[in-house]
Protein backbone atom coordinates (compact mmCIF):
# COMPACT_ATOMS: atom_id res chain seq x y z
CA MET A 1 100.61 102.81 118.29
CA LYS A 2 103.93 102.26 116.59
CA THR A 3 104.25 102.45 112.80
CA VAL A 4 106.72 100.61 110.57
CA ILE A 5 107.76 101.21 106.99
CA LEU A 6 106.18 98.85 104.48
CA ALA A 7 107.50 100.14 101.16
CA THR A 8 109.31 102.96 99.41
CA LEU A 9 107.78 104.07 96.13
CA GLU A 10 108.99 106.11 93.19
CA ASN A 11 105.83 108.12 92.54
CA SER A 12 102.47 109.14 93.92
CA PHE A 13 100.56 106.89 91.49
CA GLN A 14 102.20 103.77 92.94
CA ALA A 15 101.79 105.10 96.47
CA ASN A 16 98.11 105.83 96.07
CA LEU A 17 97.46 102.47 94.42
CA LEU A 18 99.12 100.61 97.29
CA LYS A 19 97.38 102.77 99.90
CA GLU A 20 93.99 102.07 98.29
CA THR A 21 94.71 98.34 98.10
CA LEU A 22 95.64 98.26 101.78
CA SER A 23 92.56 100.28 102.67
CA ASN A 24 90.33 97.83 100.79
CA GLU A 25 91.76 95.10 103.04
CA GLY A 26 91.06 97.15 106.19
CA ILE A 27 94.64 98.27 106.76
CA GLU A 28 95.34 101.92 107.48
CA SER A 29 98.52 103.32 105.95
CA PHE A 30 100.38 106.62 106.05
CA PHE A 31 102.63 108.47 103.59
CA LYS A 32 105.93 110.13 104.34
CA ASN A 33 107.52 112.53 101.81
CA GLU A 34 104.37 112.68 99.68
CA ASN A 35 104.33 116.48 99.38
CA ILE A 36 108.06 116.79 98.69
CA SER A 37 107.90 114.05 96.06
CA SER A 38 104.98 115.68 94.25
CA ILE A 39 106.83 119.01 94.12
CA LEU A 40 110.22 117.67 93.10
CA GLY A 41 109.09 114.83 90.85
CA ASN A 42 110.82 111.46 90.81
CA MET A 43 114.05 112.49 92.49
CA PRO A 44 115.48 109.41 94.23
CA ASP A 45 116.16 111.23 97.51
CA PHE A 46 112.49 112.14 97.86
CA GLN A 47 110.70 108.85 97.39
CA ILE A 48 107.36 108.25 99.09
CA GLU A 49 107.43 105.91 102.06
CA ILE A 50 104.34 104.01 103.17
CA TYR A 51 103.95 103.12 106.83
CA VAL A 52 101.47 100.81 108.54
CA PHE A 53 100.78 100.06 112.19
CA ASP A 54 103.07 97.34 113.50
CA LYS A 55 100.04 95.15 114.33
CA ASP A 56 99.10 95.18 110.60
CA TYR A 57 102.60 94.73 109.18
CA ALA A 58 102.48 90.96 108.54
CA GLU A 59 99.16 91.15 106.72
CA ALA A 60 100.24 94.27 104.78
CA LEU A 61 103.44 92.51 103.70
CA ILE A 62 101.40 89.62 102.30
CA ILE A 63 99.28 92.09 100.34
CA LEU A 64 102.41 93.87 99.11
CA LYS A 65 104.01 90.60 97.96
CA ARG A 66 100.81 89.48 96.24
CA GLY A 67 99.94 92.72 94.45
CA PHE A 68 103.25 94.58 94.16
CA PRO A 69 106.05 91.97 94.14
CA ASP A 70 108.55 94.32 92.51
CA LEU A 71 108.38 96.58 95.60
CA VAL A 72 109.34 93.87 98.08
CA ILE A 73 112.85 94.09 99.51
CA GLU A 74 113.99 91.03 101.40
């Protein structure tokens, strides 16, 4: 299955909160750059990206807009 990026986050706290929220709604998500970000801190070049399966993207975007509106880029 293909994955698509849902959001880019500044820190692991935000990333884990969003991942848990998605999981509670039955949507599986994946991190990219999580280990690098935790080692290097909040460096802008090493932000954490959250991906979801393309079949879940529309629903995940609704959840993102509802719970994390400041992370939405349109």
